Amino acid sequence: MKLLFLGTWEIIVIVLVVLLLFGGKKIPELMRGMGKGVKSFKDGMNGIEDPKPQEKESSETKKSEDGI
């Protein structure tokens, strides 16, 4: 399956088709929107962490504060 391996000419054709469809002024707006989407996705993934290490850390700090 050689679908994912694109050569130079295939990439040039794809870029030209995108330019024809969207125009030069619209592409920066599209890329900006994609960047914001990727950033929010990464922030969301970083926000979903396993709570168990945090609980373990908080119990260890309680023990050290109690002098045990």
PDB file of N, CA and C in Angstrom:
ATOM      1  N   MET A   1       0.855  -1.184   0.000  1.00  0.00           N
ATOM      2  CA  MET A   1       0.000   0.000   0.000  1.00  0.00           C
ATOM      3  C   MET A   1       0.894   1.238   0.000  1.00  0.00           C
ATOM      4  N   LYS A   2       0.888   1.939  -1.083  1.00  0.00           N
ATOM      5  CA  LYS A   2       1.756   3.092  -1.246  1.00  0.00           C
ATOM      6  C   LYS A   2       0.955   4.393  -1.169  1.00  0.00           C
ATOM      7  N   LEU A   3      -0.133   4.387  -0.448  1.00  0.00           N
ATOM      8  CA  LEU A   3      -1.030   5.532  -0.382  1.00  0.00           C
ATOM      9  C   LEU A   3      -0.431   6.695   0.400  1.00  0.00           C
ATOM     10  N   LEU A   4       0.266   6.421   1.474  1.00  0.00           N
ATOM     11  CA  LEU A   4       0.762   7.476   2.346  1.00  0.00           C
ATOM     12  C   LEU A   4       2.070   8.086   1.873  1.00  0.00           C
ATOM     13  N   PHE A   5       2.734   7.478   0.913  1.00  0.00           N
ATOM     14  CA  PHE A   5       4.011   7.975   0.448  1.00  0.00           C
ATOM     15  C   PHE A   5       3.789   8.875  -0.760  1.00  0.00           C
ATOM     16  N   LEU A   6       3.840  10.187  -0.534  1.00  0.00           N
ATOM     17  CA  LEU A   6       3.607  11.147  -1.600  1.00  0.00           C
ATOM     18  C   LEU A   6       4.937  11.687  -2.093  1.00  0.00           C
ATOM     19  N   GLY A   7       5.055  11.822  -3.388  1.00  0.00           N
ATOM     20  CA  GLY A   7       6.244  12.396  -3.979  1.00  0.00           C
ATOM     21  C   GLY A   7       6.125  13.904  -4.081  1.00  0.00           C
ATOM     22  N   THR A   8       7.145  14.512  -4.639  1.00  0.00           N
ATOM     23  CA  THR A   8       7.182  15.967  -4.775  1.00  0.00           C
ATOM     24  C   THR A   8       6.068  16.468  -5.681  1.00  0.00           C
ATOM     25  N   TRP A   9       5.865  15.790  -6.805  1.00  0.00           N
ATOM     26  CA  TRP A   9       4.839  16.250  -7.751  1.00  0.00           C
ATOM     27  C   TRP A   9       3.431  16.121  -7.175  1.00  0.00           C
ATOM     28  N   GLU A  10       3.193  15.088  -6.404  1.00  0.00           N
ATOM     29  CA  GLU A  10       1.869  14.928  -5.804  1.00  0.00           C
ATOM     30  C   GLU A  10       1.595  16.040  -4.797  1.00  0.00           C
ATOM     31  N   ILE A  11       2.603  16.402  -4.029  1.00  0.00           N
ATOM     32  CA  ILE A  11       2.438  17.478  -3.045  1.00  0.00           C
ATOM     33  C   ILE A  11       2.201  18.807  -3.755  1.00  0.00           C
ATOM     34  N   ILE A  12       2.920  19.062  -4.841  1.00  0.00           N
ATOM     35  CA  ILE A  12       2.735  20.303  -5.599  1.00  0.00           C
ATOM     36  C   ILE A  12       1.316  20.375  -6.161  1.00  0.00           C
ATOM     37  N   VAL A  13       0.807  19.274  -6.690  1.00  0.00           N
ATOM     38  CA  VAL A  13      -0.555  19.256  -7.223  1.00  0.00           C
ATOM     39  C   VAL A  13      -1.574  19.509  -6.118  1.00  0.00           C
ATOM     40  N   ILE A  14      -1.376  18.903  -4.957  1.00  0.00           N
ATOM     41  CA  ILE A  14      -2.300  19.110  -3.837  1.00  0.00           C
ATOM     42  C   ILE A  14      -2.298  20.568  -3.403  1.00  0.00           C
ATOM     43  N   VAL A  15      -1.111  21.184  -3.308  1.00  0.00           N
ATOM     44  CA  VAL A  15      -1.018  22.590  -2.911  1.00  0.00           C
ATOM     45  C   VAL A  15      -1.719  23.484  -3.933  1.00  0.00           C
ATOM     46  N   LEU A  16      -1.536  23.203  -5.211  1.00  0.00           N
ATOM     47  CA  LEU A  16      -2.198  24.000  -6.250  1.00  0.00           C
ATOM     48  C   LEU A  16      -3.718  23.863  -6.190  1.00  0.00           C
ATOM     49  N   VAL A  17      -4.206  22.674  -5.935  1.00  0.00           N
ATOM     50  CA  VAL A  17      -5.659  22.463  -5.827  1.00  0.00           C
ATOM     51  C   VAL A  17      -6.214  23.218  -4.615  1.00  0.00           C
ATOM     52  N   VAL A  18      -5.489  23.177  -3.512  1.00  0.00           N
ATOM     53  CA  VAL A  18      -5.934  23.909  -2.320  1.00  0.00           C
ATOM     54  C   VAL A  18      -5.948  25.408  -2.589  1.00  0.00           C
ATOM     55  N   LEU A  19      -4.924  25.909  -3.264  1.00  0.00           N
ATOM     56  CA  LEU A  19      -4.893  27.334  -3.622  1.00  0.00           C
ATOM     57  C   LEU A  19      -6.065  27.711  -4.519  1.00  0.00           C
ATOM     58  N   LEU A  20      -6.393  26.856  -5.466  1.00  0.00           N
ATOM     59  CA  LEU A  20      -7.515  27.151  -6.358  1.00  0.00           C
ATOM     60  C   LEU A  20      -8.847  27.113  -5.629  1.00  0.00           C
ATOM     61  N   LEU A  21      -8.990  26.179  -4.705  1.00  0.00           N
ATOM     62  CA  LEU A  21     -10.267  26.051  -3.991  1.00  0.00           C
ATOM     63  C   LEU A  21     -10.492  27.174  -2.979  1.00  0.00           C
ATOM     64  N   PHE A  22      -9.477  27.484  -2.205  1.00  0.00           N
ATOM     65  CA  PHE A  22      -9.663  28.415  -1.092  1.00  0.00           C
ATOM     66  C   PHE A  22      -9.146  29.815  -1.371  1.00  0.00           C
ATOM     67  N   GLY A  23      -8.211  29.971  -2.261  1.00  0.00           N
ATOM     68  CA  GLY A  23      -7.656  31.287  -2.530  1.00  0.00           C
ATOM     69  C   GLY A  23      -6.542  31.609  -1.543  1.00  0.00           C
ATOM     70  N   GLY A  24      -5.707  32.550  -1.916  1.00  0.00           N
ATOM     71  CA  GLY A  24      -4.545  32.898  -1.108  1.00  0.00           C
ATOM     72  C   GLY A  24      -4.881  33.579   0.204  1.00  0.00           C
ATOM     73  N   LYS A  25      -5.979  34.327   0.246  1.00  0.00           N
ATOM     74  CA  LYS A  25      -6.317  35.080   1.466  1.00  0.00           C
ATOM     75  C   LYS A  25      -6.953  34.198   2.533  1.00  0.00           C
ATOM     76  N   LYS A  26      -7.592  33.147   2.124  1.00  0.00           N
ATOM     77  CA  LYS A  26      -8.321  32.302   3.076  1.00  0.00           C
ATOM     78  C   LYS A  26      -7.418  31.283   3.768  1.00  0.00           C
ATOM     79  N   ILE A  27      -6.304  30.917   3.138  1.00  0.00           N
ATOM     80  CA  ILE A  27      -5.433  29.871   3.690  1.00  0.00           C
ATOM     81  C   ILE A  27      -4.844  30.236   5.056  1.00  0.00           C
ATOM     82  N   PRO A  28      -4.335  31.477   5.276  1.00  0.00           N
ATOM     83  CA  PRO A  28      -3.821  31.790   6.623  1.00  0.00           C
ATOM     84  C   PRO A  28      -4.891  31.670   7.705  1.00  0.00           C
ATOM     85  N   GLU A  29      -6.127  32.037   7.377  1.00  0.00           N
ATOM     86  CA  GLU A  29      -7.213  31.895   8.347  1.00  0.00           C
ATOM     87  C   GLU A  29      -7.473  30.429   8.670  1.00  0.00           C
ATOM     88  N   LEU A  30      -7.427  29.578   7.656  1.00  0.00           N
ATOM     89  CA  LEU A  30      -7.635  28.145   7.866  1.00  0.00           C
ATOM     90  C   LEU A  30      -6.518  27.561   8.734  1.00  0.00           C
ATOM     91  N   MET A  31      -5.288  27.939   8.446  1.00  0.00           N
ATOM     92  CA  MET A  31      -4.148  27.420   9.214  1.00  0.00           C
ATOM     93  C   MET A  31      -4.200  27.907  10.664  1.00  0.00           C
ATOM     94  N   ARG A  32      -4.602  29.147  10.861  1.00  0.00           N
ATOM     95  CA  ARG A  32      -4.731  29.697  12.212  1.00  0.00           C
ATOM     96  C   ARG A  32      -5.789  28.919  12.998  1.00  0.00           C
ATOM     97  N   GLY A  33      -6.895  28.635  12.350  1.00  0.00           N
ATOM     98  CA  GLY A  33      -7.950  27.859  12.997  1.00  0.00           C
ATOM     99  C   GLY A  33      -7.499  26.448  13.340  1.00  0.00           C
ATOM    100  N   MET A  34      -6.738  25.839  12.426  1.00  0.00           N
ATOM    101  CA  MET A  34      -6.219  24.498  12.701  1.00  0.00           C
ATOM    102  C   MET A  34      -5.236  24.523  13.859  1.00  0.00           C
ATOM    103  N   GLY A  35      -4.397  25.558  13.921  1.00  0.00           N
ATOM    104  CA  GLY A  35      -3.439  25.687  15.017  1.00  0.00           C
ATOM    105  C   GLY A  35      -4.129  25.833  16.362  1.00  0.00           C
ATOM    106  N   LYS A  36      -5.177  26.630  16.395  1.00  0.00           N
ATOM    107  CA  LYS A  36      -5.938  26.795  17.638  1.00  0.00           C
ATOM    108  C   LYS A  36      -6.606  25.487  18.044  1.00  0.00           C
ATOM    109  N   GLY A  37      -7.102  24.755  17.060  1.00  0.00           N
ATOM    110  CA  GLY A  37      -7.729  23.466  17.357  1.00  0.00           C
ATOM    111  C   GLY A  37      -6.736  22.467  17.920  1.00  0.00           C
ATOM    112  N   VAL A  38      -5.544  22.410  17.334  1.00  0.00           N
ATOM    113  CA  VAL A  38      -4.512  21.493  17.823  1.00  0.00           C
ATOM    114  C   VAL A  38      -4.072  21.892  19.226  1.00  0.00           C
ATOM    115  N   LYS A  39      -3.933  23.200  19.461  1.00  0.00           N
ATOM    116  CA  LYS A  39      -3.515  23.674  20.786  1.00  0.00           C
ATOM    117  C   LYS A  39      -4.555  23.324  21.846  1.00  0.00           C
ATOM    118  N   SER A  40      -5.825  23.522  21.533  1.00  0.00           N
ATOM    119  CA  SER A  40      -6.865  23.203  22.511  1.00  0.00           C
ATOM    120  C   SER A  40      -6.937  21.698  22.752  1.00  0.00           C
ATOM    121  N   PHE A  41      -6.679  20.903  21.713  1.00  0.00           N
ATOM    122  CA  PHE A  41      -6.653  19.451  21.881  1.00  0.00           C
ATOM    123  C   PHE A  41      -5.506  19.041  22.806  1.00  0.00           C
ATOM    124  N   LYS A  42      -4.324  19.613  22.593  1.00  0.00           N
ATOM    125  CA  LYS A  42      -3.178  19.298  23.451  1.00  0.00           C
ATOM    126  C   LYS A  42      -3.434  19.736  24.893  1.00  0.00           C
ATOM    127  N   ASP A  43      -4.019  20.921  25.071  1.00  0.00           N
ATOM    128  CA  ASP A  43      -4.339  21.385  26.419  1.00  0.00           C
ATOM    129  C   ASP A  43      -5.332  20.453  27.095  1.00  0.00           C
ATOM    130  N   GLY A  44      -6.292  19.978  26.327  1.00  0.00           N
ATOM    131  CA  GLY A  44      -7.266  19.035  26.869  1.00  0.00           C
ATOM    132  C   GLY A  44      -6.633  17.713  27.249  1.00  0.00           C
ATOM    133  N   MET A  45      -5.705  17.244  26.440  1.00  0.00           N
ATOM    134  CA  MET A  45      -5.016  15.989  26.747  1.00  0.00           C
ATOM    135  C   MET A  45      -4.118  16.136  27.968  1.00  0.00           C
ATOM    136  N   ASN A  46      -3.494  17.299  28.131  1.00  0.00           N
ATOM    137  CA  ASN A  46      -2.666  17.534  29.310  1.00  0.00           C
ATOM    138  C   ASN A  46      -3.512  17.665  30.571  1.00  0.00           C
ATOM    139  N   GLY A  47      -4.744  18.106  30.414  1.00  0.00           N
ATOM    140  CA  GLY A  47      -5.633  18.249  31.559  1.00  0.00           C
ATOM    141  C   GLY A  47      -6.151  16.910  32.060  1.00  0.00           C
ATOM    142  N   ILE A  48      -6.145  15.900  31.208  1.00  0.00           N
ATOM    143  CA  ILE A  48      -6.615  14.571  31.591  1.00  0.00           C
ATOM    144  C   ILE A  48      -5.402  13.765  32.024  1.00  0.00           C
ATOM    145  N   GLU A  49      -5.161  13.760  33.308  1.00  0.00           N
ATOM    146  CA  GLU A  49      -4.051  12.992  33.847  1.00  0.00           C
ATOM    147  C   GLU A  49      -4.583  12.032  34.889  1.00  0.00           C
ATOM    148  N   ASP A  50      -3.804  11.025  35.177  1.00  0.00           N
ATOM    149  CA  ASP A  50      -4.193  10.042  36.168  1.00  0.00           C
ATOM    150  C   ASP A  50      -4.185  10.692  37.555  1.00  0.00           C
ATOM    151  N   PRO A  51      -5.314  10.716  38.269  1.00  0.00           N
ATOM    152  CA  PRO A  51      -5.348  11.385  39.572  1.00  0.00           C
ATOM    153  C   PRO A  51      -4.603  10.610  40.667  1.00  0.00           C
ATOM    154  N   LYS A  52      -4.285   9.354  40.447  1.00  0.00           N
ATOM    155  CA  LYS A  52      -3.625   8.559  41.478  1.00  0.00           C
ATOM    156  C   LYS A  52      -2.259   9.097  41.878  1.00  0.00           C
ATOM    157  N   PRO A  53      -1.388   9.524  40.943  1.00  0.00           N
ATOM    158  CA  PRO A  53      -0.111  10.085  41.384  1.00  0.00           C
ATOM    159  C   PRO A  53      -0.274  11.350  42.217  1.00  0.00           C
ATOM    160  N   GLN A  54      -1.286  12.144  41.931  1.00  0.00           N
ATOM    161  CA  GLN A  54      -1.523  13.351  42.719  1.00  0.00           C
ATOM    162  C   GLN A  54      -1.976  12.985  44.125  1.00  0.00           C
ATOM    163  N   GLU A  55      -2.832  11.974  44.258  1.00  0.00           N
ATOM    164  CA  GLU A  55      -3.282  11.539  45.574  1.00  0.00           C
ATOM    165  C   GLU A  55      -2.120  10.993  46.383  1.00  0.00           C
ATOM    166  N   LYS A  56      -1.254  10.230  45.733  1.00  0.00           N
ATOM    167  CA  LYS A  56      -0.097   9.667  46.404  1.00  0.00           C
ATOM    168  C   LYS A  56       0.818  10.782  46.877  1.00  0.00           C
ATOM    169  N   GLU A  57       1.021  11.786  46.051  1.00  0.00           N
ATOM    170  CA  GLU A  57       1.883  12.904  46.405  1.00  0.00           C
ATOM    171  C   GLU A  57       1.299  13.681  47.578  1.00  0.00           C
ATOM    172  N   SER A  58      -0.018  13.896  47.559  1.00  0.00           N
ATOM    173  CA  SER A  58      -0.638  14.656  48.634  1.00  0.00           C
ATOM    174  C   SER A  58      -0.596  13.887  49.952  1.00  0.00           C
ATOM    175  N   SER A  59      -0.709  12.547  49.921  1.00  0.00           N
ATOM    176  CA  SER A  59      -0.620  11.773  51.159  1.00  0.00           C
ATOM    177  C   SER A  59       0.797  11.785  51.689  1.00  0.00           C
ATOM    178  N   GLU A  60       1.804  11.797  50.810  1.00  0.00           N
ATOM    179  CA  GLU A  60       3.195  11.857  51.254  1.00  0.00           C
ATOM    180  C   GLU A  60       3.505  13.204  51.892  1.00  0.00           C
ATOM    181  N   THR A  61       2.950  14.275  51.353  1.00  0.00           N
ATOM    182  CA  THR A  61       3.201  15.580  51.932  1.00  0.00           C
ATOM    183  C   THR A  61       2.507  15.709  53.272  1.00  0.00           C
ATOM    184  N   LYS A  62       1.350  15.078  53.456  1.00  0.00           N
ATOM    185  CA  LYS A  62       0.677  15.104  54.759  1.00  0.00           C
ATOM    186  C   LYS A  62       1.516  14.374  55.802  1.00  0.00           C
ATOM    187  N   LYS A  63       2.117  13.250  55.409  1.00  0.00           N
ATOM    188  CA  LYS A  63       2.946  12.501  56.356  1.00  0.00           C
ATOM    189  C   LYS A  63       4.153  13.318  56.757  1.00  0.00           C
ATOM    190  N   SER A  64       4.778  14.009  55.802  1.00  0.00           N
ATOM    191  CA  SER A  64       5.969  14.795  56.125  1.00  0.00           C
ATOM    192  C   SER A  64       5.600  16.001  56.960  1.00  0.00           C
ATOM    193  N   GLU A  65       4.407  16.542  56.789  1.00  0.00           N
ATOM    194  CA  GLU A  65       3.964  17.673  57.588  1.00  0.00           C
ATOM    195  C   GLU A  65       3.632  17.245  59.013  1.00  0.00           C
ATOM    196  N   ASP A  66       3.143  16.014  59.183  1.00  0.00           N
ATOM    197  CA  ASP A  66       2.798  15.508  60.508  1.00  0.00           C
ATOM    198  C   ASP A  66       4.041  15.090  61.296  1.00  0.00           C
ATOM    199  N   GLY A  67       5.170  14.976  60.622  1.00  0.00           N
ATOM    200  CA  GLY A  67       6.399  14.598  61.288  1.00  0.00           C
ATOM    201  C   GLY A  67       6.570  13.094  61.367  1.00  0.00           C
ATOM    202  N   ILE A  68       5.870  12.361  60.561  1.00  0.00           N
ATOM    203  CA  ILE A  68       5.971  10.894  60.589  1.00  0.00           C
ATOM    204  C   ILE A  68       7.057  10.437  59.676  1.00  0.00           C
TER     205      ILE A  68
END
